[in-house]
Amino acid sequence: QVQLVESGGGLVHPGGSLRLSCAVSAATWDYYVIAWFRQAPGKEREGVSCISGSDGSTTYARSVKGRFTISRDQAKNTVTLQIKDLKAEDTAIYYCAAASTLRLRATMEGFSLDPSEYGYWGQGTQLTVSS
Protein backbone atom coordinates (compact mmCIF):
# COMPACT_ATOMS: atom_id res chain seq x y z
CA GLN A 1 0.00 0.00 0.00
CA VAL A 2 1.11 3.52 -0.79
CA GLN A 3 -0.23 6.77 0.58
CA LEU A 4 0.52 10.07 -1.11
CA VAL A 5 -0.04 13.61 0.11
CA GLU A 6 0.68 16.63 -2.08
CA SER A 7 1.52 20.13 -0.91
CA GLY A 8 2.97 23.36 -2.24
CA GLY A 9 0.32 24.59 -4.63
CA GLY A 10 -0.87 28.17 -4.75
CA LEU A 11 -1.12 31.32 -6.83
CA VAL A 12 2.01 32.26 -8.76
CA HIS A 13 2.73 35.01 -11.29
CA PRO A 14 3.77 34.07 -14.83
CA GLY A 15 7.51 33.56 -15.06
CA GLY A 16 7.76 32.54 -11.44
CA SER A 17 8.85 29.25 -9.91
CA LEU A 18 7.23 26.79 -7.56
CA ARG A 19 8.05 23.56 -5.79
CA LEU A 20 5.43 20.89 -5.27
CA SER A 21 6.02 18.14 -2.74
CA CYS A 22 4.61 14.66 -2.44
CA ALA A 23 4.94 12.88 0.89
CA VAL A 24 5.20 9.16 0.18
CA SER A 25 4.22 6.51 2.67
CA ALA A 26 5.30 3.08 1.48
CA ALA A 27 6.93 0.02 2.95
CA THR A 28 9.74 0.41 0.47
CA TRP A 29 10.43 2.77 -2.39
CA ASP A 30 12.22 0.22 -4.50
CA TYR A 31 9.06 -1.31 -5.90
CA TYR A 32 7.38 1.88 -7.11
CA VAL A 33 7.52 4.63 -9.66
CA ILE A 34 6.26 7.96 -8.32
CA ALA A 35 4.74 10.35 -10.84
CA TRP A 36 3.22 13.78 -11.13
CA PHE A 37 0.09 14.36 -13.18
CA ARG A 38 -1.96 17.47 -13.78
CA GLN A 39 -5.51 18.15 -14.83
CA ALA A 40 -6.71 21.49 -16.08
CA PRO A 41 -10.42 22.37 -16.17
CA GLY A 42 -12.14 20.60 -19.03
CA LYS A 43 -9.06 18.63 -19.97
CA GLU A 44 -7.87 15.08 -19.48
CA ARG A 45 -5.37 14.19 -16.81
CA GLU A 46 -1.85 14.55 -18.19
CA GLY A 47 1.32 12.88 -16.96
CA VAL A 48 4.21 15.32 -16.59
CA SER A 49 7.02 13.40 -14.95
CA CYS A 50 7.96 10.34 -12.94
CA ILE A 51 10.90 8.97 -11.00
CA SER A 52 11.91 5.42 -10.21
CA GLY A 53 12.08 4.54 -6.55
CA SER A 54 14.78 1.96 -7.17
CA ASP A 55 17.36 3.87 -9.21
CA GLY A 56 16.10 7.46 -9.43
CA SER A 57 15.77 7.42 -13.22
CA THR A 58 13.40 10.09 -14.50
CA THR A 59 10.90 10.52 -17.31
CA TYR A 60 9.41 13.78 -18.57
CA ALA A 61 6.57 14.58 -20.89
CA ARG A 62 7.83 16.45 -23.94
CA SER A 63 5.57 19.39 -23.11
CA VAL A 64 7.42 20.14 -19.85
CA LYS A 65 11.02 19.19 -20.58
CA GLY A 66 13.42 21.90 -19.54
CA ARG A 67 11.04 23.61 -17.12
CA PHE A 68 10.07 20.77 -14.78
CA THR A 69 12.50 18.87 -12.58
CA ILE A 70 11.54 15.86 -10.51
CA SER A 71 13.64 14.62 -7.62
CA ARG A 72 13.36 12.33 -4.64
CA ASP A 73 14.59 12.41 -1.06
CA GLN A 74 14.18 8.94 0.34
CA ALA A 75 15.39 9.99 3.77
CA LYS A 76 12.50 12.45 3.93
CA ASN A 77 10.10 10.20 1.98
CA THR A 78 9.42 13.01 -0.46
CA VAL A 79 9.21 13.47 -4.20
CA THR A 80 9.50 17.05 -5.39
CA LEU A 81 8.48 18.69 -8.63
CA GLN A 82 10.31 21.95 -9.29
CA ILE A 83 8.66 24.14 -11.93
CA LYS A 84 10.28 27.23 -13.39
CA ASP A 85 9.15 29.87 -15.86
CA LEU A 86 5.52 29.20 -15.00
CA LYS A 87 2.93 29.84 -17.68
CA ALA A 88 -0.82 30.31 -17.53
CA GLU A 89 -1.25 26.93 -19.21
CA ASP A 90 0.43 25.28 -16.19
CA THR A 91 -2.69 26.10 -14.18
CA ALA A 92 -4.15 22.79 -13.04
CA ILE A 93 -4.64 20.47 -10.13
CA TYR A 94 -1.40 18.56 -9.68
CA TYR A 95 -1.59 14.98 -8.47
CA CYS A 96 1.03 12.64 -7.15
CA ALA A 97 0.61 8.98 -8.09
CA ALA A 98 2.41 5.67 -7.69
CA ALA A 99 2.62 2.47 -9.69
CA SER A 100 4.42 -0.81 -9.26
CA THR A 101 7.67 -0.84 -11.21
CA LEU A 102 6.95 -4.38 -12.35
CA ARG A 103 3.56 -3.48 -13.84
CA LEU A 104 4.38 -0.16 -15.47
CA ARG A 105 5.10 -0.11 -19.18
CA ALA A 106 8.43 1.06 -20.48
CA THR A 107 8.33 3.60 -23.30
CA MET A 108 10.90 5.26 -25.55
CA GLU A 109 11.11 8.11 -23.02
CA GLY A 110 11.25 5.90 -19.93
CA PHE A 111 8.34 4.80 -17.76
CA SER A 112 4.76 5.21 -18.91
CA LEU A 113 2.90 8.37 -17.90
CA ASP A 114 -0.50 6.88 -18.70
CA PRO A 115 -2.70 7.66 -15.69
CA SER A 116 -4.65 4.41 -16.14
CA GLU A 117 -1.51 2.50 -15.15
CA TYR A 118 -1.16 4.19 -11.77
CA GLY A 119 -3.11 2.69 -8.90
CA TYR A 120 -2.31 5.02 -6.02
CA TRP A 121 -3.25 8.70 -5.99
CA GLY A 122 -3.02 11.68 -3.73
CA GLN A 123 -5.81 14.21 -3.31
CA GLY A 124 -4.16 16.86 -5.48
CA THR A 125 -2.95 20.41 -5.00
CA GLN A 126 -4.11 23.44 -6.99
CA LEU A 127 -1.59 25.52 -8.92
CA THR A 128 -2.85 28.74 -10.45
CA VAL A 129 -0.62 30.87 -12.64
CA SER A 130 -2.03 34.33 -13.09
CA SER A 131 -0.98 37.94 -13.02
Foldseek 3Di string as FASTA:
>chain_A
DKAKAKDWADEAAAQAKTKIKIAIDDPAQQFKKKFKWWDDPPGDIGTAKIARSNPGDMFGDPVQPPFWDWGDDVVRRMIMIMGGRDDQVVWTWMKMFMATPVQFDADPRGTDRDVVRTDYIYPTDTHGYHD
